[in-house]
Amino acid sequence: MAKIVFLIDSSSLPKGGVSVNTAVAVEHPPFVLNGKPQGAEYKVPVAQGENIRIYTAEKNHLTSVKLAPNGIIAHSIQGKPLQDSDMMDALRRPIDIPTIDMDPGPVPDFIAFGENGTWWTQTPPSWSNWPNNPLIDKALTASMTRSYFPCITFGISSNVSGEFQYGLVFGLTRDGATVEYFYFDPFLVIGS
């Protein structure tokens, strides 16, 4: 499976659209293909029948900005515009129907303070050092919290080859409350 991570510089983006219908076109961003950095205009070679998984990430690692790919546009194959009827026909479409989902990430340890209040108590008399001393503490809770990464996965056709220009629609939030929408148009070269 080919893994593509588009590196979005959110600080250089204009204000995005308020919905997919008003998404704003932006330039191709650089990306990482199977762990190897690529320039923005690199056309990804893929084998017929191969699976592709696409992610978006904030290029500058700004934790206040969250991104997610949320749509694929099928634009053209070998320069010929694609129609809805092409994409509904398994023999003519360059990619299968994409799955837009969350990919489970690693399971990090998570520890947080409990809900109890803090007030002076005494250390237990059983403590070998400093028993019966004034103590103020707060309980801890521990859990294993799974992280998730938004992604789009699709299979490449076994019947179609050539240069496939597609669009990736993505959204981002800068404030945790509103989403802005954008799109750009990278390439896959099928059967290379």
N, C-alpha and C. Protein backbone atom coordinates (compact mmCIF):
# COMPACT_ATOMS: atom_id res chain seq x y z
N MET A 1 0.84 -1.18 0.00
CA MET A 1 0.00 0.00 0.00
C MET A 1 0.88 1.24 0.00
N ALA A 2 0.59 2.17 -0.89
CA ALA A 2 1.32 3.43 -0.93
C ALA A 2 0.69 4.39 0.07
N LYS A 3 1.53 5.06 0.84
CA LYS A 3 1.05 6.01 1.85
C LYS A 3 1.54 7.39 1.45
N ILE A 4 0.60 8.32 1.25
CA ILE A 4 0.91 9.70 0.88
C ILE A 4 0.46 10.62 2.01
N VAL A 5 1.37 11.44 2.51
CA VAL A 5 1.04 12.41 3.55
C VAL A 5 1.32 13.80 2.97
N PHE A 6 0.26 14.54 2.65
CA PHE A 6 0.41 15.90 2.15
C PHE A 6 0.71 16.84 3.31
N LEU A 7 1.76 17.65 3.16
CA LEU A 7 2.22 18.55 4.22
C LEU A 7 1.68 19.95 3.96
N ILE A 8 0.65 20.31 4.69
CA ILE A 8 -0.07 21.57 4.49
C ILE A 8 0.50 22.64 5.41
N ASP A 9 0.95 23.75 4.83
CA ASP A 9 1.41 24.89 5.62
C ASP A 9 0.20 25.79 5.87
N SER A 10 -0.46 25.60 7.01
CA SER A 10 -1.71 26.32 7.27
C SER A 10 -1.50 27.82 7.37
N SER A 11 -0.29 28.26 7.74
CA SER A 11 -0.05 29.69 7.87
C SER A 11 0.00 30.40 6.52
N SER A 12 0.20 29.66 5.43
CA SER A 12 0.25 30.28 4.11
C SER A 12 -1.07 30.16 3.35
N LEU A 13 -2.06 29.51 3.95
CA LEU A 13 -3.35 29.34 3.26
C LEU A 13 -4.20 30.59 3.40
N PRO A 14 -5.00 30.89 2.35
CA PRO A 14 -5.97 31.98 2.48
C PRO A 14 -7.11 31.48 3.36
N LYS A 15 -8.08 32.33 3.58
CA LYS A 15 -9.29 31.90 4.29
C LYS A 15 -9.99 30.87 3.42
N GLY A 16 -10.37 29.74 4.02
CA GLY A 16 -11.01 28.68 3.26
C GLY A 16 -12.51 28.85 3.16
N GLY A 17 -13.12 28.00 2.34
CA GLY A 17 -14.57 28.02 2.18
C GLY A 17 -15.26 27.49 3.42
N VAL A 18 -16.52 27.88 3.60
CA VAL A 18 -17.27 27.45 4.78
C VAL A 18 -17.91 26.08 4.59
N SER A 19 -17.86 25.55 3.35
CA SER A 19 -18.39 24.21 3.07
C SER A 19 -17.60 23.64 1.90
N VAL A 20 -17.83 22.37 1.60
CA VAL A 20 -17.19 21.76 0.43
C VAL A 20 -17.59 22.51 -0.84
N ASN A 21 -18.83 23.00 -0.89
CA ASN A 21 -19.32 23.72 -2.06
C ASN A 21 -18.57 25.02 -2.32
N THR A 22 -17.92 25.56 -1.29
CA THR A 22 -17.18 26.82 -1.46
C THR A 22 -15.68 26.62 -1.18
N ALA A 23 -15.21 25.38 -1.33
CA ALA A 23 -13.79 25.08 -1.08
C ALA A 23 -12.91 25.97 -1.96
N VAL A 24 -11.76 26.36 -1.43
CA VAL A 24 -10.84 27.26 -2.11
C VAL A 24 -9.69 26.45 -2.71
N ALA A 25 -9.39 26.69 -3.99
CA ALA A 25 -8.28 26.00 -4.66
C ALA A 25 -6.95 26.55 -4.15
N VAL A 26 -6.01 25.65 -3.84
CA VAL A 26 -4.68 26.04 -3.39
C VAL A 26 -3.64 25.27 -4.19
N GLU A 27 -2.40 25.71 -4.10
CA GLU A 27 -1.32 25.04 -4.82
C GLU A 27 -1.04 23.67 -4.22
N HIS A 28 -0.45 22.81 -5.06
CA HIS A 28 -0.05 21.48 -4.58
C HIS A 28 0.94 21.65 -3.43
N PRO A 29 0.75 20.97 -2.34
CA PRO A 29 1.75 21.01 -1.27
C PRO A 29 2.79 19.91 -1.48
N PRO A 30 3.95 20.02 -0.87
CA PRO A 30 4.89 18.90 -0.89
C PRO A 30 4.27 17.75 -0.09
N PHE A 31 4.85 16.57 -0.23
CA PHE A 31 4.30 15.42 0.48
C PHE A 31 5.38 14.40 0.76
N VAL A 32 5.00 13.44 1.57
CA VAL A 32 5.88 12.32 1.90
C VAL A 32 5.23 11.08 1.32
N LEU A 33 5.97 10.36 0.48
CA LEU A 33 5.48 9.13 -0.15
C LEU A 33 6.24 7.95 0.46
N ASN A 34 5.53 7.12 1.19
CA ASN A 34 6.15 5.95 1.84
C ASN A 34 7.40 6.34 2.62
N GLY A 35 7.31 7.45 3.34
CA GLY A 35 8.42 7.90 4.19
C GLY A 35 9.47 8.74 3.49
N LYS A 36 9.35 8.95 2.17
CA LYS A 36 10.35 9.71 1.42
C LYS A 36 9.75 11.05 0.95
N PRO A 37 10.37 12.19 1.32
CA PRO A 37 9.86 13.50 0.90
C PRO A 37 9.86 13.66 -0.62
N GLN A 38 8.79 14.31 -1.13
CA GLN A 38 8.65 14.57 -2.57
C GLN A 38 8.26 16.02 -2.77
N GLY A 39 8.64 16.56 -3.92
CA GLY A 39 8.25 17.92 -4.28
C GLY A 39 6.78 17.97 -4.65
N ALA A 40 6.22 19.16 -4.63
CA ALA A 40 4.80 19.36 -4.86
C ALA A 40 4.33 18.85 -6.23
N GLU A 41 5.17 18.92 -7.24
CA GLU A 41 4.74 18.54 -8.60
C GLU A 41 5.07 17.10 -8.97
N TYR A 42 5.62 16.33 -8.03
CA TYR A 42 5.97 14.93 -8.32
C TYR A 42 4.71 14.13 -8.64
N LYS A 43 4.75 13.36 -9.71
CA LYS A 43 3.62 12.51 -10.12
C LYS A 43 3.90 11.10 -9.60
N VAL A 44 3.05 10.65 -8.69
CA VAL A 44 3.28 9.39 -7.98
C VAL A 44 3.01 8.20 -8.89
N PRO A 45 4.04 7.36 -9.12
CA PRO A 45 3.82 6.14 -9.91
C PRO A 45 3.17 5.07 -9.03
N VAL A 46 2.10 4.47 -9.54
CA VAL A 46 1.40 3.41 -8.81
C VAL A 46 1.11 2.25 -9.74
N ALA A 47 1.09 1.06 -9.18
CA ALA A 47 0.80 -0.14 -9.97
C ALA A 47 -0.71 -0.33 -10.06
N GLN A 48 -1.15 -0.95 -11.14
CA GLN A 48 -2.55 -1.31 -11.25
C GLN A 48 -2.87 -2.27 -10.10
N GLY A 49 -4.02 -2.08 -9.47
CA GLY A 49 -4.43 -2.93 -8.36
C GLY A 49 -3.85 -2.55 -7.01
N GLU A 50 -2.97 -1.54 -6.97
CA GLU A 50 -2.36 -1.11 -5.71
C GLU A 50 -3.36 -0.31 -4.88
N ASN A 51 -3.18 -0.31 -3.58
CA ASN A 51 -4.01 0.50 -2.69
C ASN A 51 -3.24 1.75 -2.28
N ILE A 52 -3.97 2.85 -2.11
CA ILE A 52 -3.39 4.14 -1.74
C ILE A 52 -4.08 4.62 -0.47
N ARG A 53 -3.30 5.14 0.46
CA ARG A 53 -3.86 5.77 1.66
C ARG A 53 -3.30 7.18 1.74
N ILE A 54 -4.20 8.18 1.85
CA ILE A 54 -3.83 9.59 1.85
C ILE A 54 -4.16 10.23 3.19
N TYR A 55 -3.18 10.98 3.71
CA TYR A 55 -3.34 11.74 4.94
C TYR A 55 -2.97 13.20 4.66
N THR A 56 -3.39 14.09 5.54
CA THR A 56 -2.92 15.47 5.54
C THR A 56 -2.29 15.75 6.90
N ALA A 57 -1.25 16.56 6.92
CA ALA A 57 -0.58 16.91 8.18
C ALA A 57 -0.16 18.37 8.12
N GLU A 58 -0.15 19.02 9.26
CA GLU A 58 0.31 20.40 9.33
C GLU A 58 1.83 20.40 9.19
N LYS A 59 2.34 21.07 8.16
CA LYS A 59 3.77 21.05 7.84
C LYS A 59 4.64 21.54 8.98
N ASN A 60 4.17 22.56 9.72
CA ASN A 60 4.97 23.16 10.79
C ASN A 60 4.65 22.59 12.16
N HIS A 61 3.88 21.50 12.17
CA HIS A 61 3.53 20.79 13.42
C HIS A 61 2.80 21.70 14.42
N LEU A 62 1.98 22.62 13.91
CA LEU A 62 1.19 23.48 14.80
C LEU A 62 0.09 22.63 15.43
N THR A 63 0.15 22.48 16.74
CA THR A 63 -0.83 21.63 17.41
C THR A 63 -2.20 22.28 17.50
N SER A 64 -2.28 23.59 17.27
CA SER A 64 -3.56 24.29 17.33
C SER A 64 -4.36 24.13 16.04
N VAL A 65 -3.75 23.57 14.99
CA VAL A 65 -4.42 23.38 13.71
C VAL A 65 -4.61 21.89 13.47
N LYS A 66 -5.84 21.48 13.16
CA LYS A 66 -6.14 20.08 12.85
C LYS A 66 -6.67 20.02 11.43
N LEU A 67 -6.22 18.99 10.69
CA LEU A 67 -6.59 18.83 9.28
C LEU A 67 -7.17 17.45 9.03
N ALA A 68 -7.97 17.35 7.99
CA ALA A 68 -8.49 16.05 7.58
C ALA A 68 -8.81 16.06 6.10
N PRO A 69 -8.36 15.03 5.36
CA PRO A 69 -8.82 14.90 3.97
C PRO A 69 -10.27 14.41 4.01
N ASN A 70 -11.13 15.00 3.20
CA ASN A 70 -12.53 14.58 3.26
C ASN A 70 -13.20 14.43 1.90
N GLY A 71 -12.42 14.42 0.82
CA GLY A 71 -13.03 14.20 -0.49
C GLY A 71 -12.01 13.97 -1.58
N ILE A 72 -12.43 13.23 -2.60
CA ILE A 72 -11.61 12.97 -3.79
C ILE A 72 -12.39 13.44 -5.01
N ILE A 73 -11.73 14.18 -5.86
CA ILE A 73 -12.31 14.61 -7.14
C ILE A 73 -11.63 13.79 -8.22
N ALA A 74 -12.40 13.12 -9.06
CA ALA A 74 -11.84 12.39 -10.20
C ALA A 74 -11.89 13.34 -11.39
N HIS A 75 -10.73 13.91 -11.77
CA HIS A 75 -10.71 14.95 -12.80
C HIS A 75 -10.51 14.38 -14.21
N SER A 76 -9.36 13.70 -14.43
CA SER A 76 -9.10 13.23 -15.79
C SER A 76 -8.16 12.03 -15.79
N ILE A 77 -8.23 11.26 -16.87
CA ILE A 77 -7.28 10.18 -17.11
C ILE A 77 -6.70 10.41 -18.50
N GLN A 78 -5.37 10.50 -18.56
CA GLN A 78 -4.68 10.78 -19.82
C GLN A 78 -5.20 12.07 -20.47
N GLY A 79 -5.56 13.07 -19.64
CA GLY A 79 -6.04 14.35 -20.13
C GLY A 79 -7.51 14.37 -20.53
N LYS A 80 -8.17 13.20 -20.51
CA LYS A 80 -9.59 13.12 -20.88
C LYS A 80 -10.43 13.30 -19.62
N PRO A 81 -11.31 14.32 -19.61
CA PRO A 81 -12.15 14.55 -18.42
C PRO A 81 -12.99 13.32 -18.09
N LEU A 82 -13.10 13.05 -16.79
CA LEU A 82 -13.92 11.93 -16.33
C LEU A 82 -15.33 12.40 -16.03
N GLN A 83 -16.29 11.54 -16.26
CA GLN A 83 -17.70 11.82 -16.00
C GLN A 83 -18.19 10.91 -14.87
N ASP A 84 -19.35 11.25 -14.29
CA ASP A 84 -19.95 10.40 -13.26
C ASP A 84 -20.10 8.96 -13.77
N SER A 85 -20.54 8.83 -15.02
CA SER A 85 -20.76 7.49 -15.59
C SER A 85 -19.46 6.68 -15.65
N ASP A 86 -18.32 7.34 -15.89
CA ASP A 86 -17.03 6.63 -15.89
C ASP A 86 -16.73 6.09 -14.49
N MET A 87 -16.98 6.92 -13.47
CA MET A 87 -16.63 6.54 -12.11
C MET A 87 -17.58 5.49 -11.53
N MET A 88 -18.74 5.32 -12.14
CA MET A 88 -19.68 4.29 -11.69
C MET A 88 -19.47 2.97 -12.40
N ASP A 89 -18.63 2.95 -13.42
CA ASP A 89 -18.35 1.74 -14.19
C ASP A 89 -16.99 1.19 -13.77
N ALA A 90 -16.99 0.03 -13.14
CA ALA A 90 -15.76 -0.57 -12.62
C ALA A 90 -14.71 -0.81 -13.70
N LEU A 91 -15.12 -0.94 -14.97
CA LEU A 91 -14.16 -1.18 -16.05
C LEU A 91 -13.53 0.11 -16.57
N ARG A 92 -14.15 1.27 -16.31
CA ARG A 92 -13.64 2.53 -16.85
C ARG A 92 -13.05 3.47 -15.80
N ARG A 93 -13.34 3.26 -14.54
CA ARG A 93 -12.86 4.20 -13.52
C ARG A 93 -11.41 3.89 -13.15
N PRO A 94 -10.60 4.94 -12.95
CA PRO A 94 -9.19 4.73 -12.61
C PRO A 94 -8.97 4.30 -11.16
N ILE A 95 -9.93 4.64 -10.28
CA ILE A 95 -9.83 4.24 -8.87
C ILE A 95 -11.16 3.68 -8.40
N ASP A 96 -11.11 2.82 -7.40
CA ASP A 96 -12.32 2.31 -6.78
C ASP A 96 -12.95 3.40 -5.92
N ILE A 97 -14.12 3.11 -5.39
CA ILE A 97 -14.80 4.06 -4.52
C ILE A 97 -13.98 4.24 -3.25
N PRO A 98 -13.57 5.45 -2.94
CA PRO A 98 -12.73 5.70 -1.76
C PRO A 98 -13.47 5.46 -0.44
N THR A 99 -12.71 5.10 0.56
CA THR A 99 -13.20 5.00 1.92
C THR A 99 -12.63 6.20 2.68
N ILE A 100 -13.50 6.97 3.30
CA ILE A 100 -13.07 8.13 4.08
C ILE A 100 -13.29 7.76 5.54
N ASP A 101 -12.20 7.65 6.28
CA ASP A 101 -12.30 7.03 7.60
C ASP A 101 -11.21 7.56 8.52
N MET A 102 -11.15 6.99 9.71
CA MET A 102 -10.11 7.30 10.68
C MET A 102 -9.21 6.08 10.83
N ASP A 103 -7.93 6.29 10.66
CA ASP A 103 -6.95 5.22 10.79
C ASP A 103 -6.47 5.20 12.24
N PRO A 104 -6.61 4.06 12.94
CA PRO A 104 -6.12 4.02 14.33
C PRO A 104 -4.62 4.23 14.39
N GLY A 105 -4.21 5.12 15.26
CA GLY A 105 -2.79 5.38 15.45
C GLY A 105 -2.25 4.57 16.62
N PRO A 106 -1.10 4.96 17.14
CA PRO A 106 -0.53 4.24 18.28
C PRO A 106 -1.37 4.45 19.53
N VAL A 107 -1.18 3.60 20.51
CA VAL A 107 -1.92 3.69 21.76
C VAL A 107 -0.98 4.21 22.83
N PRO A 108 -0.95 5.53 23.06
CA PRO A 108 -0.02 6.08 24.05
C PRO A 108 -0.57 5.93 25.46
N ASP A 109 0.34 5.94 26.42
CA ASP A 109 -0.09 5.99 27.82
C ASP A 109 -0.68 7.36 28.09
N PHE A 110 -1.69 7.40 28.91
CA PHE A 110 -2.32 8.67 29.26
C PHE A 110 -2.55 8.69 30.75
N ILE A 111 -2.16 9.76 31.38
CA ILE A 111 -2.35 9.91 32.82
C ILE A 111 -2.85 11.32 33.08
N ALA A 112 -3.85 11.42 33.99
CA ALA A 112 -4.44 12.74 34.27
C ALA A 112 -4.81 12.81 35.74
N PHE A 113 -5.04 14.01 36.20
CA PHE A 113 -5.49 14.20 37.56
C PHE A 113 -6.95 13.81 37.69
N GLY A 114 -7.31 13.21 38.82
CA GLY A 114 -8.69 12.83 39.09
C GLY A 114 -9.54 14.02 39.45
N GLU A 115 -10.77 13.75 39.80
CA GLU A 115 -11.74 14.81 40.10
C GLU A 115 -11.71 15.27 41.55
N ASN A 116 -11.08 14.49 42.43
CA ASN A 116 -11.13 14.84 43.84
C ASN A 116 -10.42 16.17 44.12
N GLY A 117 -10.91 16.87 45.13
CA GLY A 117 -10.29 18.13 45.53
C GLY A 117 -9.02 17.89 46.33
N THR A 118 -8.27 18.94 46.55
CA THR A 118 -7.04 18.81 47.33
C THR A 118 -7.20 19.53 48.65
N TRP A 119 -6.78 18.87 49.71
CA TRP A 119 -6.81 19.45 51.03
C TRP A 119 -5.77 18.74 51.87
N TRP A 120 -5.36 19.38 52.93
CA TRP A 120 -4.34 18.78 53.79
C TRP A 120 -4.89 17.54 54.50
N THR A 121 -4.11 16.46 54.39
CA THR A 121 -4.38 15.24 55.15
C THR A 121 -3.06 14.84 55.79
N GLN A 122 -2.99 13.63 56.29
CA GLN A 122 -1.73 13.15 56.86
C GLN A 122 -1.19 12.00 56.05
N THR A 123 0.12 11.92 55.99
CA THR A 123 0.72 10.75 55.36
C THR A 123 0.37 9.53 56.20
N PRO A 124 0.23 8.38 55.59
CA PRO A 124 -0.14 7.18 56.34
C PRO A 124 0.90 6.85 57.41
N PRO A 125 0.46 6.34 58.55
CA PRO A 125 1.39 5.97 59.61
C PRO A 125 2.30 4.82 59.19
N SER A 126 1.89 4.08 58.17
CA SER A 126 2.70 2.94 57.71
C SER A 126 3.91 3.36 56.87
N TRP A 127 3.97 4.62 56.45
CA TRP A 127 5.12 5.05 55.65
C TRP A 127 6.39 4.94 56.49
N SER A 128 7.42 4.38 55.90
CA SER A 128 8.67 4.23 56.65
C SER A 128 9.38 5.57 56.82
N ASN A 129 9.20 6.46 55.88
CA ASN A 129 9.77 7.81 56.00
C ASN A 129 8.62 8.80 56.12
N TRP A 130 8.71 9.70 57.04
CA TRP A 130 7.79 10.81 57.24
C TRP A 130 6.34 10.37 57.45
N PRO A 131 6.08 9.45 58.33
CA PRO A 131 4.68 9.12 58.63
C PRO A 131 4.01 10.26 59.39
N ASN A 132 2.70 10.37 59.24
CA ASN A 132 1.87 11.34 59.96
C ASN A 132 2.29 12.79 59.74
N ASN A 133 2.80 13.09 58.54
CA ASN A 133 3.14 14.47 58.18
C ASN A 133 2.01 15.07 57.34
N PRO A 134 1.86 16.40 57.36
CA PRO A 134 0.83 17.01 56.51
C PRO A 134 1.13 16.73 55.03
N LEU A 135 0.09 16.32 54.30
CA LEU A 135 0.22 15.97 52.88
C LEU A 135 -0.95 16.57 52.12
N ILE A 136 -0.65 17.14 50.98
CA ILE A 136 -1.71 17.57 50.07
C ILE A 136 -1.41 16.88 48.73
N ASP A 137 -2.39 16.20 48.19
CA ASP A 137 -2.17 15.47 46.94
C ASP A 137 -3.47 15.43 46.14
N LYS A 138 -3.36 14.93 44.93
CA LYS A 138 -4.53 14.78 44.06
C LYS A 138 -4.41 13.41 43.40
N ALA A 139 -5.50 12.67 43.35
CA ALA A 139 -5.49 11.33 42.76
C ALA A 139 -5.19 11.41 41.26
N LEU A 140 -4.65 10.33 40.72
CA LEU A 140 -4.37 10.21 39.29
C LEU A 140 -5.25 9.13 38.69
N THR A 141 -5.59 9.31 37.42
CA THR A 141 -6.28 8.26 36.67
C THR A 141 -5.40 7.93 35.47
N ALA A 142 -5.38 6.67 35.12
CA ALA A 142 -4.57 6.23 33.98
C ALA A 142 -5.46 5.51 32.98
N SER A 143 -5.14 5.65 31.71
CA SER A 143 -5.86 4.92 30.67
C SER A 143 -4.99 4.82 29.45
N MET A 144 -5.37 3.92 28.57
CA MET A 144 -4.71 3.81 27.27
C MET A 144 -5.63 4.49 26.28
N THR A 145 -5.20 5.59 25.72
CA THR A 145 -6.03 6.39 24.83
C THR A 145 -5.55 6.21 23.39
N ARG A 146 -6.38 5.64 22.56
CA ARG A 146 -6.01 5.44 21.16
C ARG A 146 -6.19 6.75 20.40
N SER A 147 -5.21 7.07 19.58
CA SER A 147 -5.32 8.24 18.71
C SER A 147 -5.79 7.79 17.33
N TYR A 148 -6.42 8.70 16.60
CA TYR A 148 -6.93 8.38 15.27
C TYR A 148 -6.48 9.45 14.29
N PHE A 149 -6.24 9.03 13.05
CA PHE A 149 -5.78 9.94 12.00
C PHE A 149 -6.73 9.85 10.81
N PRO A 150 -7.36 10.97 10.43
CA PRO A 150 -8.26 10.95 9.27
C PRO A 150 -7.49 10.59 8.00
N CYS A 151 -8.11 9.76 7.16
CA CYS A 151 -7.45 9.36 5.92
C CYS A 151 -8.48 8.97 4.87
N ILE A 152 -8.00 8.87 3.65
CA ILE A 152 -8.81 8.38 2.53
C ILE A 152 -8.03 7.23 1.92
N THR A 153 -8.72 6.11 1.71
CA THR A 153 -8.10 4.93 1.13
C THR A 153 -8.87 4.53 -0.12
N PHE A 154 -8.13 4.17 -1.16
CA PHE A 154 -8.79 3.66 -2.37
C PHE A 154 -7.85 2.72 -3.11
N GLY A 155 -8.46 1.86 -3.91
CA GLY A 155 -7.71 0.94 -4.76
C GLY A 155 -7.57 1.51 -6.15
N ILE A 156 -6.44 1.22 -6.77
CA ILE A 156 -6.20 1.64 -8.16
C ILE A 156 -6.79 0.57 -9.08
N SER A 157 -7.37 1.00 -10.17
CA SER A 157 -7.99 0.09 -11.12
C SER A 157 -6.98 -0.90 -11.69
N SER A 158 -7.46 -2.07 -11.99
CA SER A 158 -6.65 -3.06 -12.71
C SER A 158 -6.91 -2.97 -14.20
N ASN A 159 -7.89 -2.14 -14.60
CA ASN A 159 -8.30 -2.05 -16.01
C ASN A 159 -7.86 -0.78 -16.71
N VAL A 160 -7.51 0.25 -15.95
CA VAL A 160 -7.21 1.56 -16.53
C VAL A 160 -5.77 1.92 -16.20
N SER A 161 -5.07 2.54 -17.14
CA SER A 161 -3.71 3.00 -16.88
C SER A 161 -3.54 4.40 -17.45
N GLY A 162 -2.45 5.04 -17.06
CA GLY A 162 -2.16 6.37 -17.56
C GLY A 162 -2.11 7.39 -16.43
N GLU A 163 -1.98 8.65 -16.83
CA GLU A 163 -1.86 9.74 -15.87
C GLU A 163 -3.25 10.14 -15.36
N PHE A 164 -3.45 9.98 -14.06
CA PHE A 164 -4.73 10.30 -13.42
C PHE A 164 -4.56 11.57 -12.61
N GLN A 165 -5.28 12.62 -13.01
CA GLN A 165 -5.27 13.85 -12.23
C GLN A 165 -6.53 13.82 -11.36
N TYR A 166 -6.29 13.96 -10.06
CA TYR A 166 -7.39 13.94 -9.12
C TYR A 166 -7.30 15.18 -8.23
N GLY A 167 -8.33 15.40 -7.47
CA GLY A 167 -8.32 16.50 -6.52
C GLY A 167 -8.48 15.94 -5.13
N LEU A 168 -7.79 16.53 -4.19
CA LEU A 168 -7.96 16.17 -2.79
C LEU A 168 -8.64 17.34 -2.09
N VAL A 169 -9.79 17.09 -1.51
CA VAL A 169 -10.50 18.09 -0.73
C VAL A 169 -10.11 17.86 0.73
N PHE A 170 -9.78 18.93 1.43
CA PHE A 170 -9.46 18.79 2.84
C PHE A 170 -10.02 19.96 3.62
N GLY A 171 -10.23 19.71 4.89
CA GLY A 171 -10.71 20.76 5.78
C GLY A 171 -9.72 20.94 6.91
N LEU A 172 -9.75 22.14 7.49
CA LEU A 172 -8.92 22.36 8.66
C LEU A 172 -9.65 23.27 9.63
N THR A 173 -9.30 23.13 10.89
CA THR A 173 -9.81 24.02 11.90
C THR A 173 -8.64 24.67 12.61
N ARG A 174 -8.75 25.96 12.77
CA ARG A 174 -7.71 26.72 13.47
C ARG A 174 -8.16 27.04 14.90
N ASP A 175 -9.48 26.94 15.14
CA ASP A 175 -10.02 27.34 16.44
C ASP A 175 -10.77 26.22 17.16
N GLY A 176 -10.84 25.05 16.54
CA GLY A 176 -11.54 23.94 17.16
C GLY A 176 -13.05 24.04 17.07
N ALA A 177 -13.56 25.05 16.38
CA ALA A 177 -15.01 25.25 16.30
C ALA A 177 -15.51 25.35 14.86
N THR A 178 -14.73 25.96 13.96
CA THR A 178 -15.16 26.13 12.58
C THR A 178 -14.19 25.39 11.66
N VAL A 179 -14.72 24.96 10.51
CA VAL A 179 -13.91 24.24 9.52
C VAL A 179 -13.83 25.07 8.25
N GLU A 180 -12.63 25.15 7.68
CA GLU A 180 -12.41 25.80 6.39
C GLU A 180 -12.06 24.70 5.38
N TYR A 181 -12.55 24.82 4.14
CA TYR A 181 -12.35 23.79 3.12
C TYR A 181 -11.48 24.30 1.97
N PHE A 182 -10.63 23.39 1.46
CA PHE A 182 -9.70 23.69 0.38
C PHE A 182 -9.61 22.46 -0.54
N TYR A 183 -9.00 22.65 -1.72
CA TYR A 183 -8.68 21.50 -2.58
C TYR A 183 -7.48 21.83 -3.45
N PHE A 184 -6.80 20.79 -3.89
CA PHE A 184 -5.69 20.91 -4.84
C PHE A 184 -5.70 19.67 -5.73
N ASP A 185 -4.88 19.68 -6.80
CA ASP A 185 -5.01 18.64 -7.82
C ASP A 185 -3.69 17.93 -8.15
N PRO A 186 -3.32 16.91 -7.37
CA PRO A 186 -2.11 16.15 -7.65
C PRO A 186 -2.35 15.08 -8.73
N PHE A 187 -1.29 14.29 -9.00
CA PHE A 187 -1.34 13.27 -10.04
C PHE A 187 -0.88 11.92 -9.53
N LEU A 188 -1.48 10.87 -10.10
CA LEU A 188 -0.99 9.50 -9.97
C LEU A 188 -0.72 9.02 -11.40
N VAL A 189 0.34 8.25 -11.58
CA VAL A 189 0.60 7.65 -12.89
C VAL A 189 0.38 6.16 -12.72
N ILE A 190 -0.74 5.69 -13.25
CA ILE A 190 -1.17 4.30 -13.05
C ILE A 190 -0.51 3.38 -14.07
N GLY A 191 0.03 2.28 -13.55
CA GLY A 191 0.63 1.27 -14.41
C GLY A 191 2.08 1.53 -14.73
N SER A 192 2.75 2.35 -13.90
CA SER A 192 4.15 2.66 -14.18
C SER A 192 5.07 1.87 -13.26
